[in-house]
Amino acid sequence: MSKPVPEKSLCDFLIKRDPLSTSKLKVRLDFPMATLPLLRENGMPDSAYISAPCYMWSSHITFPNSVGVISDAQLWQIALEAGREMEDEFEQYEMMNRNKKLPGAMTVLAFDREIIVASSQKGRFSFVYDCSDTPVKRDLKRCRKIVWQRSARKSAKKSTKKSARKNAKKNARKGARQSARKGGRKSGKKIGKDFRHIHDGKCGEEMAMHLYYMKHGLNLSKLENARIGTVKLKPNGEHSHIDPCSVDKEKAKDKFKGKVNEGFGCKEFTDLLGLTVLEKDTLGQAYNFATLFPTGSPTIDHIESLRNISN
């Protein structure tokens, strides 16, 4: 049996390309993430669990003053333009299987004097779950625990009411306590074993926060009054503003084959971090950085997903 042919695009990643000259936001491919298999072969510890490329595009902008002068409508426009730049920049690498490698969403995170734009992540593996013990992974574990506890309480309460109706009055209290304990254990076991972010932490919200942590560590003080929004990019060229992902009971049952009562997604993630989500009904509006920041031009660079990676 012949060995599988490696992805042709991986060889092309060996040459890091600059953003296109026409790119205003300088969105570019996250090179370390795209070459994780090579880093793994060279003993990069943070990539120990990744054996296939992950794909994500991003940019980082620093302004002379607070981003509070940028309206929500203008942030939506920045997210859209970043998505379009990603689509154009994707063509530089001449990758095959566009649908499997080109992300379908772009997130804008505005805070303090900075903006991070980051796409959702494509690839067989989940970077935040499978690469290393990232701060985002720990945040998702906290989300899981919150939802797990909420579901366990609901299950225990439901079991208690059911048992109380069946038991005689003199045994109602005893039966309720036993049902509560049984219900809580049962619910906790199921959720604790199988519960993950509904999209495996691949959304733009997680990618943007991962880059934030890479830049600022665990200091969350800069996130005061932070705003976040995600644009969904469609193959036909259309786009839409979307709320952070979340799942209802029916979708969660379908996703996990009935093993859990509730799911969690980026809604719980953004709530946990106290991020203000842009209203999806707000229309995008043109912006001009020179007009918004007359005291100086913004600085644009790129925060890479892994530390100590040479260019």
Protein backbone atom coordinates (compact mmCIF):
# COMPACT_ATOMS: atom_id res chain seq x y z
CA MET A 1 0.00 0.00 0.00
CA SER A 2 1.45 3.37 -1.02
CA LYS A 3 1.98 6.03 1.58
CA PRO A 4 -0.41 8.99 1.54
CA VAL A 5 0.88 11.96 -0.38
CA PRO A 6 1.49 14.95 1.93
CA GLU A 7 -0.41 18.13 1.27
CA LYS A 8 1.20 20.01 -1.57
CA SER A 9 0.48 23.30 0.16
CA LEU A 10 2.72 22.49 3.13
CA CYS A 11 5.88 22.88 1.02
CA ASP A 12 4.63 26.28 -0.07
CA PHE A 13 4.34 27.36 3.56
CA LEU A 14 8.13 27.12 3.90
CA ILE A 15 8.24 30.54 2.27
CA LYS A 16 6.55 33.09 4.49
CA ARG A 17 4.83 35.72 2.41
CA ASP A 18 4.24 39.33 3.32
CA PRO A 19 0.71 40.73 3.20
CA LEU A 20 -0.37 42.00 -0.19
CA SER A 21 0.66 45.55 -1.00
CA THR A 22 -3.02 46.44 -1.40
CA SER A 23 -3.82 45.18 2.09
CA LYS A 24 -4.88 48.02 4.40
CA LEU A 25 -5.12 45.89 7.55
CA LYS A 26 -2.14 43.66 6.67
CA VAL A 27 -3.98 40.41 7.37
CA ARG A 28 -1.68 37.42 6.97
CA LEU A 29 -1.49 33.69 7.51
CA ASP A 30 -0.35 32.54 10.94
CA PHE A 31 2.80 30.79 9.78
CA PRO A 32 3.64 28.75 12.92
CA MET A 33 0.12 27.36 13.10
CA ALA A 34 0.19 26.38 9.42
CA THR A 35 3.52 24.58 9.84
CA LEU A 36 2.76 22.78 13.11
CA PRO A 37 3.67 19.33 11.70
CA LEU A 38 7.17 20.59 10.82
CA LEU A 39 7.55 22.18 14.26
CA ARG A 40 6.49 18.91 15.81
CA GLU A 41 9.15 17.03 13.86
CA ASN A 42 11.73 19.54 15.10
CA GLY A 43 10.75 19.03 18.73
CA MET A 44 8.62 22.10 19.32
CA PRO A 45 6.93 21.20 22.63
CA ASP A 46 3.83 23.33 22.16
CA SER A 47 2.92 21.37 19.03
CA ALA A 48 3.34 17.90 20.49
CA TYR A 49 -0.24 16.84 19.80
CA ILE A 50 -0.68 18.32 16.33
CA SER A 51 0.18 16.24 13.28
CA ALA A 52 -1.67 18.24 10.61
CA PRO A 53 -1.71 21.95 9.68
CA CYS A 54 -4.09 24.46 11.24
CA TYR A 55 -5.10 27.54 9.27
CA MET A 56 -5.82 30.99 10.69
CA TRP A 57 -5.34 34.56 9.45
CA SER A 58 -4.94 37.62 11.64
CA SER A 59 -3.61 41.13 12.16
CA HIS A 60 -2.91 43.41 15.12
CA ILE A 61 -3.35 47.19 15.09
CA THR A 62 -2.18 49.63 17.78
CA PHE A 63 -3.53 53.19 17.85
CA PRO A 64 -2.22 56.36 19.52
CA ASN A 65 -5.47 56.75 21.47
CA SER A 66 -8.38 54.68 22.71
CA VAL A 67 -10.38 52.68 20.17
CA GLY A 68 -13.50 54.08 21.80
CA VAL A 69 -13.65 56.62 18.96
CA ILE A 70 -14.30 53.78 16.51
CA SER A 71 -18.03 53.10 16.29
CA ASP A 72 -19.60 49.65 16.37
CA ALA A 73 -20.59 50.10 12.73
CA GLN A 74 -16.98 50.82 11.80
CA LEU A 75 -15.78 47.76 13.72
CA TRP A 76 -18.13 45.63 11.66
CA GLN A 77 -16.61 47.14 8.52
CA ILE A 78 -13.09 46.42 9.77
CA ALA A 79 -14.04 42.78 10.36
CA LEU A 80 -15.50 42.50 6.86
CA GLU A 81 -12.48 44.09 5.18
CA ALA A 82 -10.17 41.82 7.17
CA GLY A 83 -12.14 38.84 5.89
CA ARG A 84 -11.84 40.02 2.31
CA GLU A 85 -8.09 40.55 2.75
CA MET A 86 -7.83 36.99 4.07
CA GLU A 87 -9.55 35.67 0.96
CA ASP A 88 -7.14 37.59 -1.29
CA GLU A 89 -4.10 36.64 0.79
CA PHE A 90 -5.14 32.99 0.66
CA GLU A 91 -4.49 32.99 -3.08
CA GLN A 92 -0.76 33.67 -2.52
CA TYR A 93 -0.26 30.14 -1.23
CA GLU A 94 -2.03 28.40 -4.11
CA MET A 95 -3.54 25.88 -1.71
CA MET A 96 -5.78 23.08 -2.81
CA ASN A 97 -9.07 22.22 -1.09
CA ARG A 98 -10.05 25.83 -0.50
CA ASN A 99 -13.15 24.85 1.48
CA LYS A 100 -11.06 22.84 3.95
CA LYS A 101 -8.39 25.49 4.48
CA LEU A 102 -10.02 28.89 4.10
CA PRO A 103 -11.83 29.96 7.29
CA GLY A 104 -15.41 31.15 6.93
CA ALA A 105 -15.50 33.83 9.63
CA MET A 106 -13.51 36.85 10.79
CA THR A 107 -13.66 38.29 14.31
CA VAL A 108 -12.74 41.79 15.47
CA LEU A 109 -11.71 42.37 19.09
CA ALA A 110 -11.34 46.04 20.06
CA PHE A 111 -9.89 47.01 23.44
CA ASP A 112 -7.84 49.79 25.03
CA ARG A 113 -5.74 51.19 22.13
CA GLU A 114 -5.69 47.98 20.10
CA ILE A 115 -7.62 45.89 17.62
CA ILE A 116 -7.05 42.21 16.89
CA VAL A 117 -8.70 40.67 13.86
CA ALA A 118 -8.56 36.89 13.74
CA SER A 119 -10.30 34.35 11.58
CA SER A 120 -11.84 31.13 12.72
CA GLN A 121 -9.52 28.13 12.53
CA LYS A 122 -9.55 25.45 9.87
CA GLY A 123 -7.85 22.07 10.10
CA ARG A 124 -8.40 18.57 11.43
CA PHE A 125 -7.18 19.43 14.93
CA SER A 126 -8.38 22.05 17.38
CA PHE A 127 -5.47 24.39 18.09
CA VAL A 128 -6.68 25.58 21.49
CA TYR A 129 -7.68 22.12 22.69
CA ASP A 130 -4.96 19.94 21.14
CA CYS A 131 -1.86 22.11 20.88
CA SER A 132 -1.03 22.91 24.50
CA ASP A 133 -2.52 24.08 27.77
CA THR A 134 -3.40 27.53 26.47
CA PRO A 135 -5.22 30.18 28.53
CA VAL A 136 -8.15 29.88 26.12
CA LYS A 137 -8.32 26.15 26.81
CA ARG A 138 -8.49 26.90 30.51
CA ASP A 139 -11.23 29.48 29.86
CA LEU A 140 -13.22 26.86 27.96
CA LYS A 141 -12.82 24.45 30.85
CA ARG A 142 -14.28 27.13 33.12
CA CYS A 143 -17.21 27.51 30.72
CA ARG A 144 -17.73 23.76 30.76
CA LYS A 145 -17.75 23.69 34.54
CA ILE A 146 -20.30 26.52 34.74
CA VAL A 147 -22.67 24.85 32.30
CA TRP A 148 -22.07 21.42 33.85
CA GLN A 149 -23.03 22.72 37.29
CA ARG A 150 -26.09 24.47 35.90
CA SER A 151 -27.23 21.31 34.12
CA ALA A 152 -26.56 19.16 37.19
CA ARG A 153 -28.70 21.44 39.33
CA LYS A 154 -31.55 21.27 36.81
CA SER A 155 -31.28 17.48 36.62
CA ALA A 156 -31.24 17.15 40.40
CA LYS A 157 -34.23 19.47 40.77
CA LYS A 158 -36.20 17.54 38.16
CA SER A 159 -35.41 14.21 39.78
CA THR A 160 -36.35 15.57 43.19
CA LYS A 161 -39.78 16.74 42.01
CA LYS A 162 -40.49 13.43 40.31
CA SER A 163 -39.58 11.37 43.36
CA ALA A 164 -41.51 13.63 45.71
CA ARG A 165 -44.72 12.99 43.78
CA LYS A 166 -44.27 9.21 43.96
CA ASN A 167 -43.30 8.89 47.61
CA ALA A 168 -45.61 9.13 50.54
CA LYS A 169 -45.51 12.37 52.46
CA LYS A 170 -43.53 10.88 55.30
CA ASN A 171 -40.78 9.73 52.93
CA ALA A 172 -40.82 12.73 50.59
CA ARG A 173 -37.82 14.48 52.10
CA LYS A 174 -35.68 11.35 52.16
CA GLY A 175 -36.62 10.40 48.63
CA ALA A 176 -35.94 13.90 47.36
CA ARG A 177 -32.46 13.98 48.87
CA GLN A 178 -31.59 10.60 47.34
CA SER A 179 -32.94 11.63 43.94
CA ALA A 180 -31.00 14.86 44.04
CA ARG A 181 -27.76 13.08 44.78
CA LYS A 182 -28.38 10.46 42.12
CA GLY A 183 -29.42 13.02 39.51
CA GLY A 184 -26.41 15.21 40.18
CA ARG A 185 -23.93 12.37 39.87
CA LYS A 186 -25.50 11.07 36.70
CA SER A 187 -25.59 14.44 34.98
CA GLY A 188 -22.07 15.31 36.07
CA LYS A 189 -20.61 12.09 34.74
CA LYS A 190 -22.11 12.57 31.31
CA ILE A 191 -21.20 16.21 30.88
CA GLY A 192 -17.75 15.96 32.44
CA LYS A 193 -16.75 13.22 30.01
CA ASP A 194 -18.08 14.53 26.72
CA PHE A 195 -18.57 18.26 27.04
CA ARG A 196 -16.53 20.58 24.78
CA HIS A 197 -17.11 23.78 22.89
CA ILE A 198 -19.65 22.99 20.18
CA HIS A 199 -17.15 23.96 17.44
CA ASP A 200 -14.09 22.62 19.29
CA GLY A 201 -12.86 26.11 20.15
CA LYS A 202 -12.14 26.90 16.49
CA CYS A 203 -14.20 30.10 16.31
CA GLY A 204 -12.72 33.53 15.74
CA GLU A 205 -13.56 34.55 19.29
CA GLU A 206 -11.17 31.93 20.69
CA MET A 207 -8.49 32.74 18.12
CA ALA A 208 -8.64 36.48 18.89
CA MET A 209 -8.39 35.86 22.62
CA HIS A 210 -5.49 33.45 22.10
CA LEU A 211 -3.58 36.22 20.35
CA TYR A 212 -4.52 38.63 23.14
CA TYR A 213 -3.01 36.25 25.69
CA MET A 214 0.11 35.86 23.55
CA LYS A 215 0.55 39.64 23.59
CA HIS A 216 -0.56 40.58 27.10
CA GLY A 217 -0.34 37.38 29.12
CA LEU A 218 -3.03 36.84 31.74
CA ASN A 219 -3.54 40.57 32.33
CA LEU A 220 -7.23 41.08 31.55
CA SER A 221 -7.36 44.72 32.67
CA LYS A 222 -7.09 45.89 29.06
CA LEU A 223 -10.36 44.11 28.26
CA GLU A 224 -12.43 46.64 30.20
CA ASN A 225 -15.06 47.94 27.75
CA ALA A 226 -13.75 45.54 25.09
CA ARG A 227 -16.01 44.87 22.11
CA ILE A 228 -16.14 41.81 19.89
CA GLY A 229 -18.01 40.84 16.74
CA THR A 230 -17.83 38.18 14.04
CA VAL A 231 -18.58 38.36 10.32
CA LYS A 232 -19.56 35.18 8.50
CA LEU A 233 -18.15 35.03 4.96
CA LYS A 234 -20.10 33.09 2.36
CA PRO A 235 -18.64 31.42 -0.76
CA ASN A 236 -20.91 33.46 -3.01
CA GLY A 237 -19.34 36.70 -1.78
CA GLU A 238 -22.11 37.64 0.61
CA HIS A 239 -21.60 38.13 4.33
CA SER A 240 -23.56 38.46 7.55
CA HIS A 241 -23.02 39.62 11.11
CA ILE A 242 -23.49 36.78 13.57
CA ASP A 243 -23.89 36.41 17.32
CA PRO A 244 -21.44 34.25 19.29
CA CYS A 245 -22.31 30.59 18.72
CA SER A 246 -24.45 28.77 21.24
CA VAL A 247 -26.56 25.64 21.22
CA ASP A 248 -29.99 24.83 22.52
CA LYS A 249 -30.95 21.49 24.03
CA GLU A 250 -32.09 19.91 20.78
CA LYS A 251 -28.92 20.83 18.89
CA ALA A 252 -26.78 19.64 21.79
CA LYS A 253 -28.57 16.29 21.87
CA ASP A 254 -28.04 15.90 18.14
CA LYS A 255 -24.36 16.88 18.37
CA PHE A 256 -23.53 14.60 21.28
CA LYS A 257 -26.06 11.81 20.52
CA GLY A 258 -28.22 12.58 23.52
CA LYS A 259 -25.41 12.35 26.07
CA VAL A 260 -25.80 15.87 27.42
CA ASN A 261 -28.62 18.21 28.36
CA GLU A 262 -27.07 21.48 27.25
CA GLY A 263 -24.18 22.73 25.15
CA PHE A 264 -21.92 25.73 25.30
CA GLY A 265 -20.23 27.93 22.78
CA CYS A 266 -18.79 31.39 22.29
CA LYS A 267 -21.74 33.01 24.05
CA GLU A 268 -20.61 31.48 27.32
CA PHE A 269 -16.98 32.25 26.42
CA THR A 270 -17.60 35.96 25.80
CA ASP A 271 -19.84 36.17 28.87
CA LEU A 272 -17.10 34.64 31.00
CA LEU A 273 -14.60 37.28 29.85
CA GLY A 274 -17.06 40.16 30.08
CA LEU A 275 -16.77 41.10 26.41
CA THR A 276 -19.43 43.33 24.86
CA VAL A 277 -20.84 41.70 21.73
CA LEU A 278 -21.60 43.99 18.80
CA GLU A 279 -25.26 44.11 17.77
CA LYS A 280 -25.53 42.03 14.62
CA ASP A 281 -28.23 44.29 13.15
CA THR A 282 -25.84 47.24 13.05
CA LEU A 283 -24.79 47.96 9.47
CA GLY A 284 -21.13 48.40 8.59
CA GLN A 285 -19.84 51.93 8.09
CA ALA A 286 -16.81 53.26 6.25
CA TYR A 287 -13.90 54.42 8.39
CA ASN A 288 -10.71 56.42 8.00
CA PHE A 289 -7.96 55.94 10.56
CA ALA A 290 -6.37 59.29 9.68
CA THR A 291 -9.62 61.07 10.53
CA LEU A 292 -10.31 59.03 13.65
CA PHE A 293 -6.75 59.41 14.98
CA PRO A 294 -5.39 62.77 13.78
CA THR A 295 -2.55 62.70 16.34
CA GLY A 296 -0.76 59.77 14.74
CA SER A 297 -0.93 56.77 12.45
CA PRO A 298 -1.69 53.27 13.74
CA THR A 299 1.00 50.62 13.91
CA ILE A 300 0.16 47.29 12.30
CA ASP A 301 1.98 44.06 13.12
CA HIS A 302 1.26 40.39 13.56
CA ILE A 303 0.94 38.36 16.76
CA GLU A 304 1.94 34.78 16.07
CA SER A 305 0.21 31.87 17.73
CA LEU A 306 3.34 30.26 19.21
CA ARG A 307 6.19 31.84 21.14
CA ASN A 308 9.85 31.79 20.18
CA ILE A 309 9.23 31.16 16.51
CA SER A 310 11.76 32.80 14.21
CA ASN A 311 10.63 34.45 11.01
